[in-house]
Amino acid sequence: ANTLKLSKASVTSYLPYKKGVYFQSTAEKEKI
């Protein structure tokens, strides 16, 4: 938030749900 000059809420809104099914862009295709 400090680096991008955004509010904490804004940063959180652009992050995936912690309990959701989320994989990084480098994840194996079988997992997405």
PDB file of all heavy atoms in Angstrom:
ATOM      1  N   ALA A   1       0.828  -1.204   0.000  1.00  0.00           N
ATOM      2  CA  ALA A   1       0.000   0.000   0.000  1.00  0.00           C
ATOM      3  C   ALA A   1       0.863   1.256   0.000  1.00  0.00           C
ATOM      4  O   ALA A   1       0.595   2.212  -0.740  1.00  0.00           O
ATOM      5  CB  ALA A   1      -0.922  -0.003   1.227  1.00  0.00           C
ATOM      6  N   ASN A   2       1.918   1.271   0.802  1.00  0.00           N
ATOM      7  CA  ASN A   2       2.810   2.428   0.873  1.00  0.00           C
ATOM      8  C   ASN A   2       3.563   2.632  -0.437  1.00  0.00           C
ATOM      9  O   ASN A   2       3.732   3.763  -0.905  1.00  0.00           O
ATOM     10  CB  ASN A   2       3.811   2.251   2.021  1.00  0.00           C
ATOM     11  CG  ASN A   2       3.153   2.340   3.384  1.00  0.00           C
ATOM     12  OD1 ASN A   2       2.130   2.999   3.530  1.00  0.00           O
ATOM     13  ND2 ASN A   2       3.718   1.663   4.375  1.00  0.00           N
ATOM     14  N   THR A   3       4.015   1.555  -1.018  1.00  0.00           N
ATOM     15  CA  THR A   3       4.788   1.645  -2.259  1.00  0.00           C
ATOM     16  C   THR A   3       3.945   2.143  -3.427  1.00  0.00           C
ATOM     17  O   THR A   3       4.388   2.977  -4.219  1.00  0.00           O
ATOM     18  CB  THR A   3       5.376   0.262  -2.616  1.00  0.00           C
ATOM     19  OG1 THR A   3       6.250  -0.155  -1.564  1.00  0.00           O
ATOM     20  CG2 THR A   3       6.151   0.319  -3.928  1.00  0.00           C
ATOM     21  N   LEU A   4       2.719   1.634  -3.525  1.00  0.00           N
ATOM     22  CA  LEU A   4       1.851   1.979  -4.661  1.00  0.00           C
ATOM     23  C   LEU A   4       0.910   3.143  -4.367  1.00  0.00           C
ATOM     24  O   LEU A   4       0.086   3.508  -5.217  1.00  0.00           O
ATOM     25  CB  LEU A   4       1.032   0.749  -5.073  1.00  0.00           C
ATOM     26  CG  LEU A   4       1.839  -0.485  -5.501  1.00  0.00           C
ATOM     27  CD1 LEU A   4       0.897  -1.626  -5.885  1.00  0.00           C
ATOM     28  CD2 LEU A   4       2.764  -0.152  -6.656  1.00  0.00           C
ATOM     29  N   LYS A   5       1.028   3.719  -3.177  1.00  0.00           N
ATOM     30  CA  LYS A   5       0.171   4.847  -2.790  1.00  0.00           C
ATOM     31  C   LYS A   5      -1.304   4.473  -2.863  1.00  0.00           C
ATOM     32  O   LYS A   5      -2.149   5.232  -3.364  1.00  0.00           O
ATOM     33  CB  LYS A   5       0.443   6.066  -3.689  1.00  0.00           C
ATOM     34  CG  LYS A   5       1.902   6.474  -3.766  1.00  0.00           C
ATOM     35  CD  LYS A   5       2.483   6.812  -2.393  1.00  0.00           C
ATOM     36  CE  LYS A   5       3.947   7.234  -2.505  1.00  0.00           C
ATOM     37  NZ  LYS A   5       4.574   7.448  -1.177  1.00  0.00           N
ATOM     38  N   LEU A   6      -1.623   3.310  -2.324  1.00  0.00           N
ATOM     39  CA  LEU A   6      -2.999   2.835  -2.288  1.00  0.00           C
ATOM     40  C   LEU A   6      -3.410   2.616  -0.835  1.00  0.00           C
ATOM     41  O   LEU A   6      -2.560   2.507   0.045  1.00  0.00           O
ATOM     42  CB  LEU A   6      -3.138   1.516  -3.055  1.00  0.00           C
ATOM     43  CG  LEU A   6      -2.858   1.531  -4.559  1.00  0.00           C
ATOM     44  CD1 LEU A   6      -2.854   0.112  -5.100  1.00  0.00           C
ATOM     45  CD2 LEU A   6      -3.895   2.376  -5.290  1.00  0.00           C
ATOM     46  N   SER A   7      -4.701   2.526  -0.609  1.00  0.00           N
ATOM     47  CA  SER A   7      -5.169   2.214   0.740  1.00  0.00           C
ATOM     48  C   SER A   7      -5.006   0.716   0.981  1.00  0.00           C
ATOM     49  O   SER A   7      -4.900  -0.074   0.034  1.00  0.00           O
ATOM     50  CB  SER A   7      -6.640   2.606   0.895  1.00  0.00           C
ATOM     51  OG  SER A   7      -7.455   1.782   0.082  1.00  0.00           O
ATOM     52  N   LYS A   8      -4.995   0.352   2.242  1.00  0.00           N
ATOM     53  CA  LYS A   8      -4.889  -1.066   2.601  1.00  0.00           C
ATOM     54  C   LYS A   8      -6.049  -1.850   2.002  1.00  0.00           C
ATOM     55  O   LYS A   8      -5.873  -2.970   1.500  1.00  0.00           O
ATOM     56  CB  LYS A   8      -4.868  -1.206   4.119  1.00  0.00           C
ATOM     57  CG  LYS A   8      -4.778  -2.637   4.614  1.00  0.00           C
ATOM     58  CD  LYS A   8      -4.814  -2.688   6.129  1.00  0.00           C
ATOM     59  CE  LYS A   8      -4.868  -4.121   6.642  1.00  0.00           C
ATOM     60  NZ  LYS A   8      -4.953  -4.183   8.125  1.00  0.00           N
ATOM     61  N   ALA A   9      -7.246  -1.257   2.035  1.00  0.00           N
ATOM     62  CA  ALA A   9      -8.440  -1.916   1.494  1.00  0.00           C
ATOM     63  C   ALA A   9      -8.311  -2.143  -0.019  1.00  0.00           C
ATOM     64  O   ALA A   9      -8.718  -3.184  -0.542  1.00  0.00           O
ATOM     65  CB  ALA A   9      -9.684  -1.085   1.788  1.00  0.00           C
ATOM     66  N   SER A  10      -7.728  -1.165  -0.715  1.00  0.00           N
ATOM     67  CA  SER A  10      -7.556  -1.299  -2.164  1.00  0.00           C
ATOM     68  C   SER A  10      -6.607  -2.442  -2.494  1.00  0.00           C
ATOM     69  O   SER A  10      -6.858  -3.238  -3.410  1.00  0.00           O
ATOM     70  CB  SER A  10      -7.024   0.006  -2.756  1.00  0.00           C
ATOM     71  OG  SER A  10      -7.978   1.038  -2.649  1.00  0.00           O
ATOM     72  N   VAL A  11      -5.499  -2.514  -1.758  1.00  0.00           N
ATOM     73  CA  VAL A  11      -4.533  -3.593  -1.991  1.00  0.00           C
ATOM     74  C   VAL A  11      -5.200  -4.943  -1.760  1.00  0.00           C
ATOM     75  O   VAL A  11      -5.076  -5.872  -2.568  1.00  0.00           O
ATOM     76  CB  VAL A  11      -3.309  -3.447  -1.056  1.00  0.00           C
ATOM     77  CG1 VAL A  11      -2.419  -4.688  -1.135  1.00  0.00           C
ATOM     78  CG2 VAL A  11      -2.514  -2.212  -1.430  1.00  0.00           C
ATOM     79  N   THR A  12      -5.921  -5.060  -0.650  1.00  0.00           N
ATOM     80  CA  THR A  12      -6.594  -6.313  -0.327  1.00  0.00           C
ATOM     81  C   THR A  12      -7.597  -6.705  -1.405  1.00  0.00           C
ATOM     82  O   THR A  12      -7.751  -7.886  -1.728  1.00  0.00           O
ATOM     83  CB  THR A  12      -7.324  -6.195   1.025  1.00  0.00           C
ATOM     84  OG1 THR A  12      -6.387  -5.824   2.041  1.00  0.00           O
ATOM     85  CG2 THR A  12      -7.952  -7.521   1.411  1.00  0.00           C
ATOM     86  N   SER A  13      -8.264  -5.714  -1.985  1.00  0.00           N
ATOM     87  CA  SER A  13      -9.275  -6.006  -3.004  1.00  0.00           C
ATOM     88  C   SER A  13      -8.660  -6.563  -4.285  1.00  0.00           C
ATOM     89  O   SER A  13      -9.364  -7.169  -5.095  1.00  0.00           O
ATOM     90  CB  SER A  13     -10.083  -4.748  -3.321  1.00  0.00           C
ATOM     91  OG  SER A  13      -9.313  -3.803  -4.057  1.00  0.00           O
ATOM     92  N   TYR A  14      -7.364  -6.339  -4.479  1.00  0.00           N
ATOM     93  CA  TYR A  14      -6.687  -6.843  -5.677  1.00  0.00           C
ATOM     94  C   TYR A  14      -5.910  -8.129  -5.404  1.00  0.00           C
ATOM     95  O   TYR A  14      -5.193  -8.615  -6.281  1.00  0.00           O
ATOM     96  CB  TYR A  14      -5.726  -5.791  -6.233  1.00  0.00           C
ATOM     97  CG  TYR A  14      -6.407  -4.723  -7.051  1.00  0.00           C
ATOM     98  CD1 TYR A  14      -6.643  -3.456  -6.529  1.00  0.00           C
ATOM     99  CD2 TYR A  14      -6.836  -4.988  -8.358  1.00  0.00           C
ATOM    100  CE1 TYR A  14      -7.265  -2.471  -7.285  1.00  0.00           C
ATOM    101  CE2 TYR A  14      -7.457  -4.010  -9.127  1.00  0.00           C
ATOM    102  CZ  TYR A  14      -7.669  -2.754  -8.571  1.00  0.00           C
ATOM    103  OH  TYR A  14      -8.302  -1.792  -9.314  1.00  0.00           O
ATOM    104  N   LEU A  15      -6.050  -8.669  -4.215  1.00  0.00           N
ATOM    105  CA  LEU A  15      -5.375  -9.920  -3.877  1.00  0.00           C
ATOM    106  C   LEU A  15      -6.403 -11.047  -3.824  1.00  0.00           C
ATOM    107  O   LEU A  15      -7.570 -10.819  -3.513  1.00  0.00           O
ATOM    108  CB  LEU A  15      -4.677  -9.800  -2.513  1.00  0.00           C
ATOM    109  CG  LEU A  15      -3.502  -8.825  -2.442  1.00  0.00           C
ATOM    110  CD1 LEU A  15      -2.962  -8.751  -1.017  1.00  0.00           C
ATOM    111  CD2 LEU A  15      -2.394  -9.232  -3.409  1.00  0.00           C
ATOM    112  N   PRO A  16      -6.003 -12.278  -4.118  1.00  0.00           N
ATOM    113  CA  PRO A  16      -6.945 -13.406  -4.086  1.00  0.00           C
ATOM    114  C   PRO A  16      -7.390 -13.721  -2.662  1.00  0.00           C
ATOM    115  O   PRO A  16      -6.712 -13.377  -1.699  1.00  0.00           O
ATOM    116  CB  PRO A  16      -6.120 -14.550  -4.681  1.00  0.00           C
ATOM    117  CG  PRO A  16      -4.713 -14.199  -4.346  1.00  0.00           C
ATOM    118  CD  PRO A  16      -4.646 -12.711  -4.512  1.00  0.00           C
ATOM    119  N   TYR A  17      -8.532 -14.362  -2.554  1.00  0.00           N
ATOM    120  CA  TYR A  17      -8.989 -14.832  -1.252  1.00  0.00           C
ATOM    121  C   TYR A  17      -7.992 -15.848  -0.712  1.00  0.00           C
ATOM    122  O   TYR A  17      -7.555 -16.746  -1.434  1.00  0.00           O
ATOM    123  CB  TYR A  17     -10.370 -15.476  -1.370  1.00  0.00           C
ATOM    124  CG  TYR A  17     -11.494 -14.484  -1.515  1.00  0.00           C
ATOM    125  CD1 TYR A  17     -12.136 -14.286  -2.736  1.00  0.00           C
ATOM    126  CD2 TYR A  17     -11.917 -13.741  -0.422  1.00  0.00           C
ATOM    127  CE1 TYR A  17     -13.175 -13.374  -2.862  1.00  0.00           C
ATOM    128  CE2 TYR A  17     -12.952 -12.815  -0.546  1.00  0.00           C
ATOM    129  CZ  TYR A  17     -13.571 -12.639  -1.764  1.00  0.00           C
ATOM    130  OH  TYR A  17     -14.592 -11.721  -1.887  1.00  0.00           O
ATOM    131  N   LYS A  18      -7.625 -15.722   0.546  1.00  0.00           N
ATOM    132  CA  LYS A  18      -6.621 -16.604   1.140  1.00  0.00           C
ATOM    133  C   LYS A  18      -7.096 -18.051   1.184  1.00  0.00           C
ATOM    134  O   LYS A  18      -6.297 -18.979   1.108  1.00  0.00           O
ATOM    135  CB  LYS A  18      -6.263 -16.131   2.552  1.00  0.00           C
ATOM    136  CG  LYS A  18      -5.573 -14.781   2.578  1.00  0.00           C
ATOM    137  CD  LYS A  18      -5.368 -14.278   3.973  1.00  0.00           C
ATOM    138  CE  LYS A  18      -4.391 -15.137   4.762  1.00  0.00           C
ATOM    139  NZ  LYS A  18      -4.130 -14.564   6.105  1.00  0.00           N
ATOM    140  N   LYS A  19      -8.401 -18.261   1.300  1.00  0.00           N
ATOM    141  CA  LYS A  19      -8.934 -19.616   1.375  1.00  0.00           C
ATOM    142  C   LYS A  19      -9.479 -20.095   0.040  1.00  0.00           C
ATOM    143  O   LYS A  19     -10.086 -21.149  -0.053  1.00  0.00           O
ATOM    144  CB  LYS A  19     -10.042 -19.688   2.433  1.00  0.00           C
ATOM    145  CG  LYS A  19      -9.546 -19.446   3.848  1.00  0.00           C
ATOM    146  CD  LYS A  19     -10.664 -19.610   4.836  1.00  0.00           C
ATOM    147  CE  LYS A  19     -10.170 -19.381   6.268  1.00  0.00           C
ATOM    148  NZ  LYS A  19     -11.253 -19.522   7.267  1.00  0.00           N
ATOM    149  N   GLY A  20      -9.248 -19.318  -0.989  1.00  0.00           N
ATOM    150  CA  GLY A  20      -9.759 -19.688  -2.299  1.00  0.00           C
ATOM    151  C   GLY A  20      -8.795 -20.590  -3.044  1.00  0.00           C
ATOM    152  O   GLY A  20      -7.672 -20.843  -2.619  1.00  0.00           O
ATOM    153  N   VAL A  21      -9.255 -21.096  -4.167  1.00  0.00           N
ATOM    154  CA  VAL A  21      -8.402 -21.937  -4.998  1.00  0.00           C
ATOM    155  C   VAL A  21      -7.617 -21.026  -5.912  1.00  0.00           C
ATOM    156  O   VAL A  21      -8.060 -20.649  -6.986  1.00  0.00           O
ATOM    157  CB  VAL A  21      -9.262 -22.917  -5.836  1.00  0.00           C
ATOM    158  CG1 VAL A  21      -8.368 -23.827  -6.648  1.00  0.00           C
ATOM    159  CG2 VAL A  21     -10.152 -23.734  -4.918  1.00  0.00           C
ATOM    160  N   TYR A  22      -6.431 -20.659  -5.485  1.00  0.00           N
ATOM    161  CA  TYR A  22      -5.616 -19.711  -6.252  1.00  0.00           C
ATOM    162  C   TYR A  22      -4.226 -20.296  -6.466  1.00  0.00           C
ATOM    163  O   TYR A  22      -3.626 -20.861  -5.564  1.00  0.00           O
ATOM    164  CB  TYR A  22      -5.486 -18.383  -5.511  1.00  0.00           C
ATOM    165  CG  TYR A  22      -4.546 -17.408  -6.172  1.00  0.00           C
ATOM    166  CD1 TYR A  22      -4.932 -16.710  -7.307  1.00  0.00           C
ATOM    167  CD2 TYR A  22      -3.266 -17.218  -5.679  1.00  0.00           C
ATOM    168  CE1 TYR A  22      -4.082 -15.820  -7.922  1.00  0.00           C
ATOM    169  CE2 TYR A  22      -2.400 -16.334  -6.305  1.00  0.00           C
ATOM    170  CZ  TYR A  22      -2.814 -15.632  -7.416  1.00  0.00           C
ATOM    171  OH  TYR A  22      -1.953 -14.763  -8.026  1.00  0.00           O
ATOM    172  N   PHE A  23      -3.729 -20.173  -7.654  1.00  0.00           N
ATOM    173  CA  PHE A  23      -2.388 -20.640  -7.972  1.00  0.00           C
ATOM    174  C   PHE A  23      -1.640 -19.548  -8.716  1.00  0.00           C
ATOM    175  O   PHE A  23      -2.229 -18.776  -9.469  1.00  0.00           O
ATOM    176  CB  PHE A  23      -2.439 -21.904  -8.847  1.00  0.00           C
ATOM    177  CG  PHE A  23      -3.088 -23.074  -8.151  1.00  0.00           C
ATOM    178  CD1 PHE A  23      -4.426 -23.372  -8.363  1.00  0.00           C
ATOM    179  CD2 PHE A  23      -2.371 -23.867  -7.277  1.00  0.00           C
ATOM    180  CE1 PHE A  23      -5.032 -24.428  -7.715  1.00  0.00           C
ATOM    181  CE2 PHE A  23      -2.961 -24.936  -6.633  1.00  0.00           C
ATOM    182  CZ  PHE A  23      -4.294 -25.220  -6.856  1.00  0.00           C
ATOM    183  N   GLN A  24      -0.352 -19.480  -8.520  1.00  0.00           N
ATOM    184  CA  GLN A  24       0.473 -18.480  -9.190  1.00  0.00           C
ATOM    185  C   GLN A  24       0.453 -18.694 -10.699  1.00  0.00           C
ATOM    186  O   GLN A  24       0.093 -19.761 -11.190  1.00  0.00           O
ATOM    187  CB  GLN A  24       1.925 -18.564  -8.681  1.00  0.00           C
ATOM    188  CG  GLN A  24       2.059 -18.368  -7.179  1.00  0.00           C
ATOM    189  CD  GLN A  24       1.665 -16.974  -6.761  1.00  0.00           C
ATOM    190  OE1 GLN A  24       1.652 -16.055  -7.561  1.00  0.00           O
ATOM    191  NE2 GLN A  24       1.315 -16.817  -5.492  1.00  0.00           N
ATOM    192  N   SER A  25       0.874 -17.676 -11.435  1.00  0.00           N
ATOM    193  CA  SER A  25       0.866 -17.768 -12.899  1.00  0.00           C
ATOM    194  C   SER A  25       1.807 -18.844 -13.413  1.00  0.00           C
ATOM    195  O   SER A  25       1.709 -19.269 -14.552  1.00  0.00           O
ATOM    196  CB  SER A  25       1.271 -16.407 -13.495  1.00  0.00           C
ATOM    197  OG  SER A  25       2.565 -16.028 -13.034  1.00  0.00           O
ATOM    198  N   THR A  26       2.715 -19.297 -12.550  1.00  0.00           N
ATOM    199  CA  THR A  26       3.671 -20.319 -12.965  1.00  0.00           C
ATOM    200  C   THR A  26       3.225 -21.724 -12.573  1.00  0.00           C
ATOM    201  O   THR A  26       3.956 -22.685 -12.775  1.00  0.00           O
ATOM    202  CB  THR A  26       5.048 -20.041 -12.332  1.00  0.00           C
ATOM    203  OG1 THR A  26       4.889 -19.943 -10.901  1.00  0.00           O
ATOM    204  CG2 THR A  26       5.631 -18.743 -12.853  1.00  0.00           C
ATOM    205  N   ALA A  27       2.038 -21.853 -12.000  1.00  0.00           N
ATOM    206  CA  ALA A  27       1.556 -23.156 -11.556  1.00  0.00           C
ATOM    207  C   ALA A  27       1.370 -24.094 -12.739  1.00  0.00           C
ATOM    208  O   ALA A  27       1.103 -23.667 -13.865  1.00  0.00           O
ATOM    209  CB  ALA A  27       0.238 -22.996 -10.806  1.00  0.00           C
ATOM    210  N   GLU A  28       1.494 -25.396 -12.487  1.00  0.00           N
ATOM    211  CA  GLU A  28       1.272 -26.384 -13.530  1.00  0.00           C
ATOM    212  C   GLU A  28      -0.168 -26.272 -14.021  1.00  0.00           C
ATOM    213  O   GLU A  28      -1.085 -26.016 -13.250  1.00  0.00           O
ATOM    214  CB  GLU A  28       1.531 -27.792 -12.991  1.00  0.00           C
ATOM    215  CG  GLU A  28       2.952 -28.017 -12.484  1.00  0.00           C
ATOM    216  CD  GLU A  28       3.977 -27.969 -13.606  1.00  0.00           C
ATOM    217  OE1 GLU A  28       3.586 -28.243 -14.774  1.00  0.00           O
ATOM    218  OE2 GLU A  28       5.139 -27.666 -13.335  1.00  0.00           O
ATOM    219  N   LYS A  29      -0.371 -26.493 -15.323  1.00  0.00           N
ATOM    220  CA  LYS A  29      -1.698 -26.291 -15.894  1.00  0.00           C
ATOM    221  C   LYS A  29      -2.734 -27.251 -15.322  1.00  0.00           C
ATOM    222  O   LYS A  29      -3.923 -26.971 -15.345  1.00  0.00           O
ATOM    223  CB  LYS A  29      -1.641 -26.423 -17.415  1.00  0.00           C
ATOM    224  CG  LYS A  29      -1.226 -27.776 -17.945  1.00  0.00           C
ATOM    225  CD  LYS A  29      -1.108 -27.744 -19.454  1.00  0.00           C
ATOM    226  CE  LYS A  29      -0.724 -29.096 -20.029  1.00  0.00           C
ATOM    227  NZ  LYS A  29      -1.794 -30.099 -19.855  1.00  0.00           N
ATOM    228  N   GLU A  30      -2.284 -28.391 -14.768  1.00  0.00           N
ATOM    229  CA  GLU A  30      -3.217 -29.332 -14.167  1.00  0.00           C
ATOM    230  C   GLU A  30      -3.884 -28.753 -12.925  1.00  0.00           C
ATOM    231  O   GLU A  30      -4.925 -29.231 -12.481  1.00  0.00           O
ATOM    232  CB  GLU A  30      -2.496 -30.637 -13.789  1.00  0.00           C
ATOM    233  CG  GLU A  30      -2.045 -31.475 -14.990  1.00  0.00           C
ATOM    234  CD  GLU A  30      -0.764 -30.946 -15.604  1.00  0.00           C
ATOM    235  OE1 GLU A  30      -0.153 -30.047 -14.974  1.00  0.00           O
ATOM    236  OE2 GLU A  30      -0.392 -31.411 -16.701  1.00  0.00           O
ATOM    237  N   LYS A  31      -3.273 -27.707 -12.344  1.00  0.00           N
ATOM    238  CA  LYS A  31      -3.782 -27.150 -11.100  1.00  0.00           C
ATOM    239  C   LYS A  31      -4.659 -25.926 -11.285  1.00  0.00           C
ATOM    240  O   LYS A  31      -5.147 -25.361 -10.314  1.00  0.00           O
ATOM    241  CB  LYS A  31      -2.598 -26.777 -10.189  1.00  0.00           C
ATOM    242  CG  LYS A  31      -1.795 -27.964  -9.704  1.00  0.00           C
ATOM    243  CD  LYS A  31      -0.684 -27.508  -8.765  1.00  0.00           C
ATOM    244  CE  LYS A  31       0.101 -28.694  -8.223  1.00  0.00           C
ATOM    245  NZ  LYS A  31       1.177 -28.243  -7.294  1.00  0.00           N
ATOM    246  N   ILE A  32      -4.859 -25.495 -12.518  1.00  0.00           N
ATOM    247  CA  ILE A  32      -5.652 -24.295 -12.753  1.00  0.00           C
ATOM    248  C   ILE A  32      -6.896 -24.625 -13.557  1.00  0.00           C
ATOM    249  O   ILE A  32      -6.987 -25.675 -14.189  1.00  0.00           O
ATOM    250  CB  ILE A  32      -4.832 -23.210 -13.480  1.00  0.00           C
ATOM    251  CG1 ILE A  32      -4.376 -23.706 -14.865  1.00  0.00           C
ATOM    252  CG2 ILE A  32      -3.640 -22.790 -12.648  1.00  0.00           C
ATOM    253  CD1 ILE A  32      -3.618 -22.670 -15.665  1.00  0.00           C
TER     254      ILE A  32
END
